[in-house]
N, C-alpha and C. Protein backbone atom coordinates (compact mmCIF):
# COMPACT_ATOMS: atom_id res chain seq x y z
N UNK A 1 187.41 54.50 147.07
CA UNK A 1 187.13 53.33 146.26
C UNK A 1 186.05 52.49 146.94
N UNK A 2 185.08 52.07 146.19
CA UNK A 2 183.95 51.31 146.73
C UNK A 2 184.39 49.89 147.09
N UNK A 3 183.82 49.39 148.16
CA UNK A 3 184.10 48.04 148.63
C UNK A 3 183.11 47.07 148.01
N UNK A 4 183.60 45.89 147.65
CA UNK A 4 182.74 44.83 147.13
C UNK A 4 183.43 43.50 147.41
N UNK A 5 182.66 42.56 147.94
CA UNK A 5 183.15 41.21 148.15
C UNK A 5 181.97 40.27 147.94
N UNK A 6 182.28 39.00 147.71
CA UNK A 6 181.23 38.04 147.40
C UNK A 6 181.40 36.76 148.21
N UNK A 7 180.27 36.11 148.45
CA UNK A 7 180.23 34.76 148.98
C UNK A 7 179.59 33.90 147.89
N UNK A 8 179.25 32.68 148.19
CA UNK A 8 178.63 31.83 147.18
C UNK A 8 177.34 32.43 146.63
N UNK A 9 176.51 32.99 147.53
CA UNK A 9 175.20 33.48 147.09
C UNK A 9 175.00 34.97 147.22
N UNK A 10 175.96 35.68 147.81
CA UNK A 10 175.74 37.07 148.18
C UNK A 10 176.83 38.01 147.68
N UNK A 11 176.45 39.26 147.54
CA UNK A 11 177.38 40.35 147.32
C UNK A 11 177.26 41.29 148.51
N UNK A 12 178.37 41.64 149.11
CA UNK A 12 178.43 42.67 150.15
C UNK A 12 179.16 43.85 149.53
N UNK A 13 178.56 45.04 149.63
CA UNK A 13 179.15 46.18 148.93
C UNK A 13 178.89 47.47 149.69
N UNK A 14 179.64 48.50 149.26
CA UNK A 14 179.46 49.84 149.80
C UNK A 14 178.06 50.34 149.48
N UNK A 15 177.62 51.28 150.29
CA UNK A 15 176.35 51.96 150.05
C UNK A 15 176.51 52.84 148.82
N UNK A 16 175.49 52.86 147.98
CA UNK A 16 175.51 53.68 146.78
C UNK A 16 174.30 54.60 146.73
N UNK A 17 174.24 55.34 145.66
CA UNK A 17 173.14 56.28 145.46
C UNK A 17 171.81 55.53 145.43
N UNK A 18 170.84 56.00 146.18
CA UNK A 18 169.52 55.40 146.23
C UNK A 18 169.37 54.27 147.24
N UNK A 19 170.49 53.78 147.78
CA UNK A 19 170.41 52.65 148.72
C UNK A 19 169.72 53.02 150.03
N UNK A 20 169.92 54.23 150.50
CA UNK A 20 169.34 54.63 151.78
C UNK A 20 167.81 54.52 151.72
N UNK A 21 167.20 55.06 150.70
CA UNK A 21 165.74 55.03 150.55
C UNK A 21 165.25 53.61 150.31
N UNK A 22 165.94 52.89 149.44
CA UNK A 22 165.55 51.51 149.14
C UNK A 22 165.61 50.64 150.40
N UNK A 23 166.68 50.79 151.18
CA UNK A 23 166.83 50.04 152.41
C UNK A 23 165.70 50.37 153.38
N UNK A 24 165.44 51.64 153.55
CA UNK A 24 164.37 52.09 154.45
C UNK A 24 163.03 51.48 154.04
N UNK A 25 162.73 51.49 152.78
CA UNK A 25 161.44 51.00 152.29
C UNK A 25 161.23 49.52 152.58
N UNK A 26 162.29 48.72 152.52
CA UNK A 26 162.11 47.28 152.73
C UNK A 26 162.38 46.84 154.17
N UNK A 27 163.08 47.67 154.94
CA UNK A 27 163.50 47.24 156.28
C UNK A 27 162.74 47.89 157.43
N UNK A 28 162.03 48.95 157.19
CA UNK A 28 161.37 49.68 158.27
C UNK A 28 159.99 49.07 158.53
N UNK A 29 160.01 47.82 158.98
CA UNK A 29 158.78 47.09 159.28
C UNK A 29 158.74 46.75 160.77
N UNK A 30 157.56 46.51 161.31
CA UNK A 30 157.48 46.15 162.73
C UNK A 30 158.33 44.93 163.09
N UNK A 31 158.35 43.92 162.24
CA UNK A 31 159.10 42.70 162.55
C UNK A 31 160.61 42.96 162.53
N UNK A 32 161.11 43.62 161.50
CA UNK A 32 162.55 43.88 161.39
C UNK A 32 163.03 44.81 162.50
N UNK A 33 162.23 45.79 162.83
CA UNK A 33 162.64 46.82 163.79
C UNK A 33 162.21 46.49 165.23
N UNK A 34 161.73 45.29 165.45
CA UNK A 34 161.19 44.89 166.75
C UNK A 34 162.15 45.16 167.91
N UNK A 35 163.42 44.84 167.76
CA UNK A 35 164.39 45.02 168.85
C UNK A 35 165.31 46.22 168.62
N UNK A 36 164.90 47.09 167.71
CA UNK A 36 165.70 48.27 167.37
C UNK A 36 164.95 49.56 167.63
N UNK A 37 164.01 49.50 168.55
CA UNK A 37 163.28 50.69 168.94
C UNK A 37 161.98 50.92 168.17
N UNK A 38 161.65 50.02 167.26
CA UNK A 38 160.44 50.17 166.47
C UNK A 38 160.72 50.92 165.18
N UNK A 39 159.69 51.04 164.38
CA UNK A 39 159.84 51.71 163.10
C UNK A 39 160.36 53.14 163.30
N UNK A 40 161.16 53.60 162.35
CA UNK A 40 161.80 54.91 162.42
C UNK A 40 161.22 55.86 161.38
N UNK A 41 161.37 57.13 161.64
CA UNK A 41 161.05 58.12 160.61
C UNK A 41 162.14 58.05 159.55
N UNK A 42 161.83 58.47 158.35
CA UNK A 42 162.81 58.48 157.28
C UNK A 42 163.98 59.41 157.62
N UNK A 43 163.68 60.52 158.27
CA UNK A 43 164.73 61.47 158.65
C UNK A 43 165.73 60.83 159.61
N UNK A 44 165.22 60.09 160.60
CA UNK A 44 166.09 59.41 161.56
C UNK A 44 166.94 58.36 160.84
N UNK A 45 166.31 57.59 159.93
CA UNK A 45 167.06 56.58 159.20
C UNK A 45 168.16 57.23 158.36
N UNK A 46 167.87 58.36 157.72
CA UNK A 46 168.88 59.05 156.91
C UNK A 46 170.10 59.42 157.75
N UNK A 47 169.88 59.86 158.99
CA UNK A 47 171.00 60.15 159.89
C UNK A 47 171.83 58.89 160.13
N UNK A 48 171.15 57.78 160.39
CA UNK A 48 171.85 56.51 160.62
C UNK A 48 172.61 56.07 159.37
N UNK A 49 171.99 56.23 158.24
CA UNK A 49 172.60 55.83 156.97
C UNK A 49 173.86 56.65 156.70
N UNK A 50 173.81 57.93 156.94
CA UNK A 50 174.99 58.78 156.77
C UNK A 50 176.12 58.35 157.70
N UNK A 51 175.75 57.99 158.92
CA UNK A 51 176.74 57.55 159.88
C UNK A 51 177.40 56.25 159.40
N UNK A 52 176.59 55.31 158.90
CA UNK A 52 177.14 54.05 158.38
C UNK A 52 178.13 54.32 157.25
N UNK A 53 177.79 55.22 156.37
CA UNK A 53 178.68 55.53 155.25
C UNK A 53 179.96 56.21 155.73
N UNK A 54 179.86 57.01 156.78
CA UNK A 54 181.06 57.67 157.30
C UNK A 54 182.02 56.66 157.93
N UNK A 55 181.49 55.57 158.51
CA UNK A 55 182.37 54.55 159.10
C UNK A 55 183.29 53.96 158.04
N UNK A 56 182.74 53.71 156.85
CA UNK A 56 183.58 53.14 155.80
C UNK A 56 184.68 54.12 155.39
N UNK A 57 184.33 55.39 155.30
CA UNK A 57 185.34 56.41 154.96
C UNK A 57 186.41 56.49 156.04
N UNK A 58 186.00 56.42 157.30
CA UNK A 58 186.93 56.60 158.42
C UNK A 58 187.76 55.35 158.73
N UNK A 59 187.15 54.16 158.60
CA UNK A 59 187.80 52.93 159.08
C UNK A 59 188.00 51.86 158.01
N UNK A 60 187.37 52.02 156.85
CA UNK A 60 187.49 51.02 155.79
C UNK A 60 186.46 49.92 155.87
N UNK A 61 185.58 49.99 156.86
CA UNK A 61 184.52 48.98 157.00
C UNK A 61 183.27 49.62 157.59
N UNK A 62 182.16 48.96 157.36
CA UNK A 62 180.87 49.42 157.87
C UNK A 62 179.90 48.25 157.81
N UNK A 63 178.64 48.50 158.05
CA UNK A 63 177.60 47.50 157.80
C UNK A 63 177.22 47.67 156.33
N UNK A 64 177.77 46.79 155.47
CA UNK A 64 177.62 46.89 154.03
C UNK A 64 176.26 46.38 153.57
N UNK A 65 175.84 46.87 152.42
CA UNK A 65 174.64 46.35 151.76
C UNK A 65 174.87 44.89 151.39
N UNK A 66 173.86 44.05 151.60
CA UNK A 66 173.92 42.65 151.18
C UNK A 66 172.86 42.44 150.10
N UNK A 67 173.31 41.92 148.96
CA UNK A 67 172.41 41.60 147.85
C UNK A 67 172.55 40.14 147.49
N UNK A 68 171.46 39.57 147.02
CA UNK A 68 171.49 38.20 146.51
C UNK A 68 172.07 38.23 145.10
N UNK A 69 173.05 37.37 144.83
CA UNK A 69 173.72 37.36 143.54
C UNK A 69 172.77 37.07 142.38
N UNK A 70 171.90 36.10 142.56
CA UNK A 70 171.11 35.62 141.43
C UNK A 70 170.18 36.67 140.83
N UNK A 71 169.73 37.62 141.66
CA UNK A 71 168.77 38.60 141.12
C UNK A 71 169.04 40.03 141.57
N UNK A 72 170.11 40.26 142.34
CA UNK A 72 170.44 41.60 142.79
C UNK A 72 169.52 42.15 143.85
N UNK A 73 168.66 41.32 144.42
CA UNK A 73 167.71 41.76 145.43
C UNK A 73 168.45 42.19 146.70
N UNK A 74 168.12 43.38 147.21
CA UNK A 74 168.69 43.85 148.47
C UNK A 74 168.07 43.07 149.62
N UNK A 75 168.92 42.39 150.38
CA UNK A 75 168.44 41.56 151.48
C UNK A 75 168.60 42.24 152.83
N UNK A 76 169.55 43.18 152.93
CA UNK A 76 169.78 43.84 154.20
C UNK A 76 171.18 44.40 154.27
N UNK A 77 171.73 44.38 155.50
CA UNK A 77 173.14 44.74 155.65
C UNK A 77 173.81 43.79 156.60
N UNK A 78 175.13 43.72 156.48
CA UNK A 78 175.96 42.95 157.40
C UNK A 78 177.36 43.52 157.27
N UNK A 79 178.06 43.58 158.38
CA UNK A 79 179.42 44.09 158.30
C UNK A 79 180.03 44.36 159.64
N UNK A 80 181.00 45.26 159.60
CA UNK A 80 181.87 45.53 160.74
C UNK A 80 181.95 47.02 160.97
N UNK A 81 182.00 47.40 162.24
CA UNK A 81 182.23 48.79 162.60
C UNK A 81 182.89 48.83 163.97
N UNK A 82 183.30 50.00 164.39
CA UNK A 82 183.84 50.18 165.74
C UNK A 82 182.65 50.27 166.69
N UNK A 83 182.69 49.51 167.76
CA UNK A 83 181.62 49.56 168.76
C UNK A 83 181.63 50.94 169.40
N UNK A 84 180.50 51.63 169.34
CA UNK A 84 180.47 53.03 169.77
C UNK A 84 179.22 53.41 170.57
N UNK A 85 178.59 52.45 171.23
CA UNK A 85 177.36 52.73 171.95
C UNK A 85 177.65 53.35 173.31
N UNK A 86 176.86 54.36 173.66
CA UNK A 86 176.97 54.97 174.98
C UNK A 86 176.79 53.89 176.04
N UNK A 87 177.70 53.85 176.98
CA UNK A 87 177.63 52.89 178.07
C UNK A 87 178.40 51.61 177.83
N UNK A 88 178.76 51.30 176.59
CA UNK A 88 179.51 50.06 176.32
C UNK A 88 180.91 50.16 176.92
N UNK A 89 181.33 49.15 177.69
CA UNK A 89 182.64 49.22 178.33
C UNK A 89 183.81 48.99 177.39
N UNK A 90 183.56 48.50 176.20
CA UNK A 90 184.63 48.16 175.27
C UNK A 90 184.50 48.94 173.95
N UNK A 91 184.17 50.21 174.07
CA UNK A 91 184.06 51.06 172.89
C UNK A 91 185.37 51.05 172.10
N UNK A 92 185.22 51.08 170.79
CA UNK A 92 186.38 51.09 169.91
C UNK A 92 186.77 49.72 169.39
N UNK A 93 186.28 48.65 170.04
CA UNK A 93 186.57 47.32 169.54
C UNK A 93 185.73 47.05 168.29
N UNK A 94 186.10 46.04 167.54
CA UNK A 94 185.38 45.66 166.33
C UNK A 94 184.04 45.02 166.72
N UNK A 95 182.99 45.46 166.02
CA UNK A 95 181.65 44.91 166.21
C UNK A 95 181.16 44.37 164.87
N UNK A 96 180.48 43.24 164.91
CA UNK A 96 179.79 42.72 163.74
C UNK A 96 178.30 42.95 163.95
N UNK A 97 177.61 43.28 162.88
CA UNK A 97 176.17 43.49 162.98
C UNK A 97 175.49 43.12 161.67
N UNK A 98 174.20 42.88 161.75
CA UNK A 98 173.41 42.49 160.59
C UNK A 98 171.97 42.91 160.79
N UNK A 99 171.29 43.06 159.68
CA UNK A 99 169.85 43.31 159.66
C UNK A 99 169.35 42.84 158.29
N UNK A 100 168.40 41.93 158.29
CA UNK A 100 167.88 41.37 157.05
C UNK A 100 166.37 41.51 156.97
N UNK A 101 165.88 41.67 155.75
CA UNK A 101 164.44 41.78 155.52
C UNK A 101 163.77 40.44 155.85
N UNK A 102 162.50 40.51 156.17
CA UNK A 102 161.76 39.32 156.60
C UNK A 102 161.81 38.19 155.58
N UNK A 103 161.71 38.51 154.30
CA UNK A 103 161.69 37.46 153.28
C UNK A 103 163.03 36.74 153.17
N UNK A 104 164.08 37.27 153.79
CA UNK A 104 165.40 36.63 153.77
C UNK A 104 165.65 35.77 155.01
N UNK A 105 164.77 35.84 155.98
CA UNK A 105 164.98 35.10 157.23
C UNK A 105 164.88 33.59 156.98
N UNK A 106 165.67 32.83 157.73
CA UNK A 106 165.59 31.38 157.70
C UNK A 106 166.20 30.72 156.48
N UNK A 107 166.98 31.45 155.70
CA UNK A 107 167.57 30.88 154.48
C UNK A 107 169.09 30.81 154.54
N UNK A 108 169.67 31.13 155.69
CA UNK A 108 171.11 31.04 155.87
C UNK A 108 171.89 32.24 155.35
N UNK A 109 171.20 33.26 154.87
CA UNK A 109 171.91 34.43 154.35
C UNK A 109 172.67 35.17 155.45
N UNK A 110 172.06 35.34 156.60
CA UNK A 110 172.73 36.07 157.68
C UNK A 110 173.99 35.34 158.12
N UNK A 111 173.91 34.02 158.25
CA UNK A 111 175.10 33.26 158.63
C UNK A 111 176.19 33.39 157.56
N UNK A 112 175.82 33.24 156.30
CA UNK A 112 176.79 33.31 155.21
C UNK A 112 177.49 34.67 155.19
N UNK A 113 176.72 35.73 155.33
CA UNK A 113 177.29 37.08 155.32
C UNK A 113 178.14 37.32 156.56
N UNK A 114 177.64 36.92 157.73
CA UNK A 114 178.37 37.16 158.98
C UNK A 114 179.67 36.36 159.03
N UNK A 115 179.65 35.11 158.58
CA UNK A 115 180.88 34.31 158.57
C UNK A 115 181.92 34.96 157.66
N UNK A 116 181.49 35.45 156.52
CA UNK A 116 182.41 36.14 155.61
C UNK A 116 182.97 37.40 156.28
N UNK A 117 182.12 38.13 156.98
CA UNK A 117 182.58 39.34 157.67
C UNK A 117 183.57 39.01 158.79
N UNK A 118 183.38 37.90 159.47
CA UNK A 118 184.35 37.51 160.50
C UNK A 118 185.69 37.15 159.85
N UNK A 119 185.65 36.48 158.70
CA UNK A 119 186.91 36.25 157.98
C UNK A 119 187.61 37.58 157.69
N UNK A 120 186.85 38.55 157.20
CA UNK A 120 187.42 39.86 156.90
C UNK A 120 187.96 40.53 158.17
N UNK A 121 187.20 40.43 159.26
CA UNK A 121 187.61 41.08 160.51
C UNK A 121 188.98 40.59 160.96
N UNK A 122 189.17 39.28 160.91
CA UNK A 122 190.41 38.71 161.44
C UNK A 122 191.55 38.69 160.43
N UNK A 123 191.25 38.58 159.16
CA UNK A 123 192.30 38.50 158.15
C UNK A 123 192.65 39.86 157.56
N UNK A 124 191.68 40.56 157.04
CA UNK A 124 191.95 41.84 156.37
C UNK A 124 192.13 42.99 157.36
N UNK A 125 191.25 43.04 158.39
CA UNK A 125 191.28 44.17 159.31
C UNK A 125 192.02 43.88 160.61
N UNK A 126 192.54 42.68 160.76
CA UNK A 126 193.41 42.27 161.86
C UNK A 126 192.83 42.53 163.24
N UNK A 127 191.54 42.29 163.40
CA UNK A 127 190.91 42.43 164.71
C UNK A 127 191.41 41.33 165.65
N UNK A 128 191.52 41.67 166.92
CA UNK A 128 191.88 40.66 167.91
C UNK A 128 190.66 39.86 168.34
N UNK A 129 189.53 40.57 168.48
CA UNK A 129 188.27 39.92 168.78
C UNK A 129 187.15 40.78 168.21
N UNK A 130 185.99 40.16 168.09
CA UNK A 130 184.82 40.82 167.52
C UNK A 130 183.65 40.60 168.46
N UNK A 131 182.88 41.65 168.64
CA UNK A 131 181.71 41.63 169.51
C UNK A 131 180.44 41.74 168.67
N UNK A 132 179.37 41.16 169.17
CA UNK A 132 178.03 41.37 168.62
C UNK A 132 177.14 41.75 169.80
N UNK A 133 176.25 42.70 169.58
CA UNK A 133 175.42 43.24 170.65
C UNK A 133 173.96 42.92 170.36
N UNK A 134 173.25 42.49 171.39
CA UNK A 134 171.82 42.22 171.24
C UNK A 134 171.13 42.42 172.59
N UNK A 135 169.82 42.26 172.57
CA UNK A 135 169.04 42.34 173.80
C UNK A 135 168.53 40.94 174.15
N UNK A 136 168.07 40.79 175.37
CA UNK A 136 167.69 39.47 175.88
C UNK A 136 166.65 38.76 175.02
N UNK A 137 165.65 39.47 174.55
CA UNK A 137 164.57 38.82 173.82
C UNK A 137 164.90 38.51 172.37
N UNK A 138 166.00 39.00 171.84
CA UNK A 138 166.32 38.76 170.44
C UNK A 138 167.00 37.39 170.29
N UNK A 139 166.18 36.37 170.41
CA UNK A 139 166.66 34.98 170.40
C UNK A 139 167.25 34.60 169.04
N UNK A 140 166.68 35.12 167.96
CA UNK A 140 167.19 34.77 166.63
C UNK A 140 168.63 35.24 166.44
N UNK A 141 168.92 36.46 166.87
CA UNK A 141 170.31 36.94 166.75
C UNK A 141 171.24 36.15 167.66
N UNK A 142 170.78 35.81 168.85
CA UNK A 142 171.61 35.01 169.75
C UNK A 142 171.89 33.63 169.17
N UNK A 143 170.93 33.06 168.49
CA UNK A 143 171.12 31.75 167.85
C UNK A 143 172.21 31.86 166.78
N UNK A 144 172.18 32.93 166.00
CA UNK A 144 173.21 33.13 164.98
C UNK A 144 174.57 33.34 165.63
N UNK A 145 174.62 34.11 166.70
CA UNK A 145 175.88 34.35 167.39
C UNK A 145 176.49 33.03 167.87
N UNK A 146 175.66 32.17 168.45
CA UNK A 146 176.15 30.86 168.90
C UNK A 146 176.63 30.02 167.71
N UNK A 147 175.87 30.04 166.61
CA UNK A 147 176.26 29.28 165.42
C UNK A 147 177.61 29.75 164.88
N UNK A 148 177.90 31.03 165.03
CA UNK A 148 179.18 31.59 164.61
C UNK A 148 180.31 31.26 165.59
N UNK A 149 179.97 30.65 166.72
CA UNK A 149 180.98 30.32 167.73
C UNK A 149 181.20 31.41 168.75
N UNK A 150 180.33 32.42 168.76
CA UNK A 150 180.47 33.52 169.70
C UNK A 150 179.93 33.08 171.07
N UNK A 151 180.53 33.63 172.11
CA UNK A 151 180.16 33.29 173.49
C UNK A 151 179.82 34.58 174.22
N UNK A 152 178.72 34.55 174.95
CA UNK A 152 178.33 35.74 175.70
C UNK A 152 179.31 36.01 176.83
N UNK A 153 179.62 37.29 177.02
CA UNK A 153 180.45 37.73 178.14
C UNK A 153 179.59 38.63 179.02
N UNK A 154 179.03 38.09 180.12
CA UNK A 154 178.16 38.89 180.99
C UNK A 154 178.84 40.12 181.57
N UNK A 155 180.18 40.10 181.66
CA UNK A 155 180.92 41.24 182.18
C UNK A 155 180.81 42.46 181.26
N UNK A 156 180.46 42.24 179.99
CA UNK A 156 180.37 43.34 179.03
C UNK A 156 178.94 43.84 178.82
N UNK A 157 177.99 43.28 179.56
CA UNK A 157 176.61 43.79 179.48
C UNK A 157 176.61 45.23 180.00
N UNK A 158 175.76 46.05 179.42
CA UNK A 158 175.73 47.45 179.83
C UNK A 158 174.33 48.02 179.63
N UNK A 159 174.12 49.17 180.23
CA UNK A 159 172.85 49.87 180.08
C UNK A 159 172.98 50.86 178.94
N UNK A 160 172.22 50.63 177.89
CA UNK A 160 172.20 51.52 176.74
C UNK A 160 171.11 52.56 176.99
N UNK A 161 171.45 53.84 176.95
CA UNK A 161 170.45 54.87 177.28
C UNK A 161 169.27 54.90 176.31
N UNK A 162 169.44 54.42 175.10
CA UNK A 162 168.35 54.43 174.11
C UNK A 162 167.49 53.18 174.22
N UNK A 163 168.11 52.01 174.26
CA UNK A 163 167.37 50.75 174.16
C UNK A 163 167.09 50.05 175.49
N UNK A 164 167.95 50.21 176.47
CA UNK A 164 167.78 49.47 177.73
C UNK A 164 166.47 49.76 178.46
N UNK A 165 165.96 51.00 178.46
CA UNK A 165 164.68 51.21 179.14
C UNK A 165 163.54 50.34 178.57
N UNK A 166 163.62 50.02 177.31
CA UNK A 166 162.58 49.22 176.66
C UNK A 166 162.90 47.72 176.67
N UNK A 167 164.20 47.37 176.49
CA UNK A 167 164.58 45.97 176.28
C UNK A 167 165.45 45.37 177.37
N UNK A 168 165.91 46.15 178.31
CA UNK A 168 166.83 45.64 179.32
C UNK A 168 168.28 45.82 178.88
N UNK A 169 169.20 45.21 179.60
CA UNK A 169 170.62 45.42 179.31
C UNK A 169 171.00 44.98 177.90
N UNK A 170 171.96 45.69 177.32
CA UNK A 170 172.56 45.26 176.07
C UNK A 170 173.56 44.17 176.41
N UNK A 171 173.48 43.06 175.70
CA UNK A 171 174.34 41.91 175.98
C UNK A 171 175.33 41.74 174.82
N UNK A 172 176.56 41.35 175.16
CA UNK A 172 177.60 41.19 174.14
C UNK A 172 178.07 39.75 174.04
N UNK A 173 178.27 39.34 172.81
CA UNK A 173 178.77 38.02 172.46
C UNK A 173 180.09 38.23 171.72
N UNK A 174 181.09 37.41 172.01
CA UNK A 174 182.44 37.63 171.50
C UNK A 174 183.02 36.39 170.83
N UNK A 175 183.94 36.66 169.93
CA UNK A 175 184.80 35.61 169.40
C UNK A 175 186.14 36.25 169.10
N UNK A 176 187.22 35.52 169.37
CA UNK A 176 188.54 36.04 169.04
C UNK A 176 189.08 35.32 167.81
N UNK A 177 190.18 35.83 167.31
CA UNK A 177 190.74 35.32 166.06
C UNK A 177 191.09 33.85 166.16
N UNK A 178 191.69 33.42 167.25
CA UNK A 178 192.10 32.01 167.36
C UNK A 178 190.87 31.10 167.41
N UNK A 179 189.84 31.50 168.13
CA UNK A 179 188.63 30.68 168.19
C UNK A 179 187.97 30.59 166.81
N UNK A 180 187.95 31.71 166.09
CA UNK A 180 187.35 31.70 164.75
C UNK A 180 188.14 30.80 163.81
N UNK A 181 189.45 30.92 163.82
CA UNK A 181 190.28 30.13 162.90
C UNK A 181 190.26 28.65 163.25
N UNK A 182 190.09 28.32 164.53
CA UNK A 182 190.08 26.91 164.93
C UNK A 182 188.80 26.18 164.51
N UNK A 183 187.80 26.94 164.07
CA UNK A 183 186.54 26.32 163.63
C UNK A 183 186.70 25.61 162.29
N UNK A 184 187.81 25.87 161.58
CA UNK A 184 188.07 25.19 160.32
C UNK A 184 187.23 25.76 159.23
């Protein structure tokens, strides 16, 4: 059964037919992919897309497609998955992640989607805590993590064999259920 949930301005939903190509076409830009290893080949993205879809089948959650309600425009993805990066000391814990197209930046969409996903993480999926992973130079993602109430845990920094040679250590920001719920 396909997943679908809504916020005031957004729809978060399962990946559907044609989404992989559409997502690639709008998201594979130098700016969006700046801290993700740079632009990807379509073949590489298709592998990643298949993996994202398998997470939903296996766990009931993934990084879902995010669309704007008013016009159905695909803005990016946001959601939850099991942290599974090589070298991460806390593999298997819940991770939140997002990626939005440039035209969606600075409009509060990422915060709106991520806050909704944290509600889902703690209420529907009963996570004890949620992690977000970024690199040192990705200041925009760190700003969002702080806005969400997440706090960096330097003990969970690790060397990612794919990204660390280019960007340095992978850094993790955390929030637990009680901290999220106490935000009101």
